[in-house]
Protein backbone atom coordinates (compact mmCIF):
# COMPACT_ATOMS: atom_id res chain seq x y z
CA MET A 1 50.25 125.18 96.76
CA ASN A 2 51.76 121.97 97.82
CA LYS A 3 54.38 120.86 95.32
CA GLU A 4 53.47 117.59 93.79
CA LYS A 5 55.46 114.97 95.55
CA LYS A 6 58.44 113.21 93.32
CA LEU A 7 57.98 109.43 93.74
CA SER A 8 60.86 107.46 93.50
CA CYS A 9 62.50 103.71 94.86
CA VAL A 10 61.69 104.72 98.32
CA ASP A 11 57.90 104.57 97.45
CA CYS A 12 57.88 101.22 95.67
CA GLY A 13 56.96 97.88 97.09
CA VAL A 14 58.12 95.88 93.72
CA CYS A 15 61.37 95.89 93.69
CA SER A 16 61.73 94.17 90.46
CA CYS A 17 64.53 95.73 89.80
CA GLY A 18 66.62 93.09 91.87
CA GLY A 19 65.88 90.35 89.36
CA GLU A 20 62.48 88.80 91.08
CA ASP A 21 59.14 88.78 88.12
CA GLY A 22 57.50 91.65 88.67
CA LYS A 23 56.22 94.75 86.38
CA TYR A 24 57.83 97.78 87.06
CA PRO A 25 55.71 100.82 88.22
CA ASP A 26 55.02 103.96 86.40
CA PHE A 27 57.41 106.16 87.83
CA CYS A 28 60.08 103.31 88.27
CA LEU A 29 63.93 105.30 88.11
CA THR A 30 65.21 101.65 86.40
CA ALA A 31 62.73 101.51 83.77
CA ASN A 32 62.62 105.96 83.08
CA MET A 33 66.12 105.67 83.05
CA ASP A 34 67.86 107.21 80.13
CA GLU A 35 71.27 105.06 78.56
CA GLU A 36 73.18 107.86 78.73
CA THR A 37 72.46 108.54 82.49
CA LYS A 38 73.25 104.68 82.74
CA ALA A 39 76.48 104.66 81.15
CA GLU A 40 77.60 107.95 82.65
CA ILE A 41 77.26 106.15 85.89
CA MET A 42 78.07 102.76 85.13
CA ALA A 43 81.61 104.13 84.12
CA PHE A 44 82.54 105.04 87.68
CA TYR A 45 82.85 101.03 88.34
CA GLU A 46 85.81 101.08 85.56
CA ASP A 47 88.04 102.50 88.19
CA GLU A 48 90.23 100.17 89.46
CA THR A 49 89.34 100.57 93.66
CA ASN A 50 85.50 101.06 92.71
CA ARG A 51 85.73 97.50 90.77
CA LYS A 52 87.53 95.47 92.98
CA ILE A 53 85.32 96.47 96.09
CA MET A 54 81.68 95.60 94.24
CA GLN A 55 83.82 92.35 93.29
CA THR A 56 85.01 91.50 97.19
CA ALA A 57 81.80 92.67 98.63
CA ALA A 58 79.39 90.08 96.20
CA GLY A 59 81.90 88.09 97.64
CA ILE A 60 81.15 88.60 100.79
CA GLU A 61 77.22 88.98 100.31
CA VAL A 62 77.64 85.39 98.81
CA ASP A 63 79.74 83.36 101.56
CA GLY A 64 78.67 85.57 104.27
CA TYR A 65 74.75 85.48 103.58
CA CYS A 66 73.06 84.74 106.88
CA VAL A 67 75.34 83.03 108.60
CA TRP A 68 78.49 85.46 109.72
CA PRO A 69 77.94 88.54 111.93
CA ARG A 70 78.60 91.64 110.30
CA ILE A 71 81.78 91.97 112.44
CA GLN A 72 83.11 88.67 110.71
CA GLU A 73 82.30 90.33 106.52
CA THR A 74 84.24 93.49 107.93
CA VAL A 75 87.03 91.56 108.92
CA GLU A 76 86.60 89.43 106.10
CA PHE A 77 86.26 91.84 103.25
CA ALA A 78 89.25 94.06 105.04
CA ARG A 79 91.46 90.91 104.44
CA ARG A 80 90.39 90.22 100.90
CA MET A 81 90.49 93.59 99.97
CA GLY A 82 94.33 93.18 100.98
CA PHE A 83 94.10 95.39 103.34
CA HIS A 84 96.74 95.60 106.78
CA LYS A 85 96.05 98.87 108.88
CA ILE A 86 92.70 99.13 109.65
CA GLY A 87 91.37 102.64 111.85
CA ILE A 88 88.61 103.16 113.93
CA ALA A 89 87.01 105.75 114.97
CA THR A 90 85.02 105.34 117.91
CA CYS A 91 82.73 107.05 119.77
CA VAL A 92 84.07 107.67 123.55
CA GLY A 93 81.23 105.91 125.33
CA LEU A 94 81.70 102.36 123.01
CA ILE A 95 85.79 102.29 123.83
CA ARG A 96 84.89 99.06 125.14
CA GLU A 97 83.25 97.49 121.99
CA SER A 98 85.81 99.03 119.94
CA ARG A 99 88.85 97.57 121.94
CA THR A 100 87.23 93.89 121.25
CA ILE A 101 86.82 95.01 117.58
CA ALA A 102 90.59 95.86 117.74
CA LYS A 103 91.18 92.71 119.56
CA ILE A 104 89.52 90.51 116.91
CA PHE A 105 91.35 92.09 113.98
CA ARG A 106 94.67 91.57 115.68
CA SER A 107 93.83 88.38 116.06
CA HIS A 108 93.89 87.91 112.25
CA GLY A 109 97.02 89.99 111.70
CA PHE A 110 95.82 93.51 111.04
CA GLU A 111 97.28 96.77 112.71
CA VAL A 112 94.84 98.70 114.43
CA TYR A 113 94.98 101.88 115.08
CA GLY A 114 91.71 103.65 116.97
CA ILE A 115 90.55 107.51 117.45
CA GLY A 116 88.20 108.47 119.98
CA CYS A 117 85.85 111.35 119.47
CA LYS A 118 86.74 113.78 122.20
CA VAL A 119 90.54 113.61 120.71
CA GLY A 120 91.55 116.84 121.28
CA ALA A 121 90.03 117.68 124.26
CA VAL A 122 88.18 121.04 122.71
CA ALA A 123 85.60 123.15 123.85
CA LYS A 124 82.59 123.21 122.57
CA THR A 125 82.04 126.56 122.30
CA ASP A 126 85.12 127.19 120.72
CA VAL A 127 83.36 126.21 117.56
CA GLY A 128 79.98 128.01 118.22
CA ILE A 129 78.13 125.21 119.53
CA ASP A 130 75.80 127.13 122.12
CA GLU A 131 76.67 126.97 125.98
CA ALA A 132 73.08 124.96 126.78
CA CYS A 133 74.38 121.80 124.75
CA CYS A 134 77.63 121.42 127.56
CA ARG A 135 74.42 119.74 129.93
CA VAL A 136 76.07 116.35 127.96
CA GLY A 137 79.60 117.46 127.90
CA CYS A 138 81.84 119.98 127.93
CA ASN A 139 84.13 119.17 124.95
CA MET A 140 83.17 118.68 121.47
CA CYS A 141 83.53 115.19 119.82
CA ASN A 142 85.95 116.07 116.94
CA PRO A 143 84.90 113.90 113.90
CA ILE A 144 87.36 115.90 111.34
CA MET A 145 90.15 115.69 113.65
CA GLN A 146 89.58 111.99 114.05
CA ALA A 147 89.09 111.47 110.51
CA GLU A 148 92.78 113.82 109.57
CA LEU A 149 95.02 111.41 112.19
CA LEU A 150 93.52 108.68 110.56
CA ASN A 151 94.49 109.87 107.64
CA ARG A 152 98.43 110.78 108.45
CA GLU A 153 98.51 107.61 110.32
CA GLY A 154 97.63 105.86 106.44
CA THR A 155 94.94 103.87 107.52
CA GLU A 156 93.37 101.76 104.81
CA MET A 157 90.16 101.00 105.39
CA ASN A 158 88.33 102.95 108.10
CA ILE A 159 85.72 101.28 110.78
CA VAL A 160 82.61 104.08 112.24
CA VAL A 161 81.84 102.67 115.61
CA GLY A 162 79.11 104.81 117.38
CA LEU A 163 79.44 108.14 115.92
CA CYS A 164 77.32 110.85 116.59
CA VAL A 165 74.39 111.41 113.95
CA GLY A 166 75.30 114.21 111.67
CA HIS A 167 79.53 113.81 113.84
CA ASP A 168 79.74 110.49 111.11
CA SER A 169 78.86 112.80 108.17
CA LEU A 170 81.93 114.88 108.90
CA PHE A 171 83.98 112.00 109.03
CA TYR A 172 82.65 110.27 106.22
CA LYS A 173 83.72 113.26 104.28
CA TYR A 174 87.62 114.14 105.27
CA SER A 175 87.91 109.81 105.77
CA LYS A 176 90.49 109.44 102.70
CA ALA A 177 89.99 105.47 103.37
CA VAL A 178 87.31 103.40 102.70
CA THR A 179 84.69 103.60 105.44
CA THR A 180 82.29 101.22 106.54
CA THR A 181 79.69 101.53 109.69
CA LEU A 182 79.86 98.41 112.12
CA ILE A 183 77.96 100.19 114.86
CA ALA A 184 75.24 103.14 114.34
CA LYS A 185 74.96 104.82 117.56
CA ASP A 186 71.10 104.28 119.38
CA ARG A 187 71.53 104.79 122.72
CA VAL A 188 67.68 103.99 123.16
CA THR A 189 67.57 100.45 121.66
CA GLY A 190 70.55 98.86 122.22
CA HIS A 191 72.28 100.71 119.29
CA ASN A 192 69.93 98.94 116.81
CA PRO A 193 68.33 101.86 115.28
CA ALA A 194 65.78 99.76 113.56
CA ALA A 195 64.23 98.66 116.21
CA ALA A 196 62.16 101.83 116.29
CA ILE A 197 61.14 101.36 112.63
CA TYR A 198 59.96 97.80 113.39
CA ASN A 199 57.79 98.73 115.95
CA LEU A 200 56.23 102.31 114.31
CA ASP A 201 52.52 100.98 114.74
CA SER A 202 53.03 100.45 118.55
CA TYR A 203 55.62 101.95 121.16
CA TYR A 204 56.97 103.99 118.27
CA GLU A 205 54.03 105.70 116.72
CA ARG A 206 54.83 109.10 117.92
CA LEU A 207 57.74 109.29 115.21
CA LEU A 208 54.82 109.67 112.69
CA GLY A 209 54.63 113.54 112.01
CA ASP A 210 50.64 113.56 111.66
CA LYS A 211 50.13 111.54 114.99
């Protein structure tokens, strides 16, 4: 028997929660949220760091919306947060891009320390990765080592540049500093993952499981 699908925000096209006029659908999480749950979650914003991040991000949004590219937003966010030491966790395949990012941040007075994904030069087979995966390189990507080395450097904000799907997840898990993603790697679309989504009715129709 198929389990009944539990509807959520991804099944809604109304988005009345954003402040637009409209009716909430029957399954709306906002309309059906109990006050205790809402208060419990909103209490996290009483944390000084969380509150400062939210306030700073809101300021970046209103000042740079549809005006600044993401790299400029990131620089400005770091500046307004009062950060000085910036970490870059980069795919070695995007080291040129990361060198440019470092140049931009340094030009604004930031200290930058970057770690490439192959740091440590550890063989994939050392962590139980099938030897067949060595077809695309014998040494493993090492996101936990990237995070730990940046932690030890005392970076205040880390920037992810092109880490693989899953590797980025481990980096986020172990990074102690506030982390943002500047480039999401997608070798097929020139690092623009949304391109496949925008072309789902044509070039990428095969992504739908029932096709």
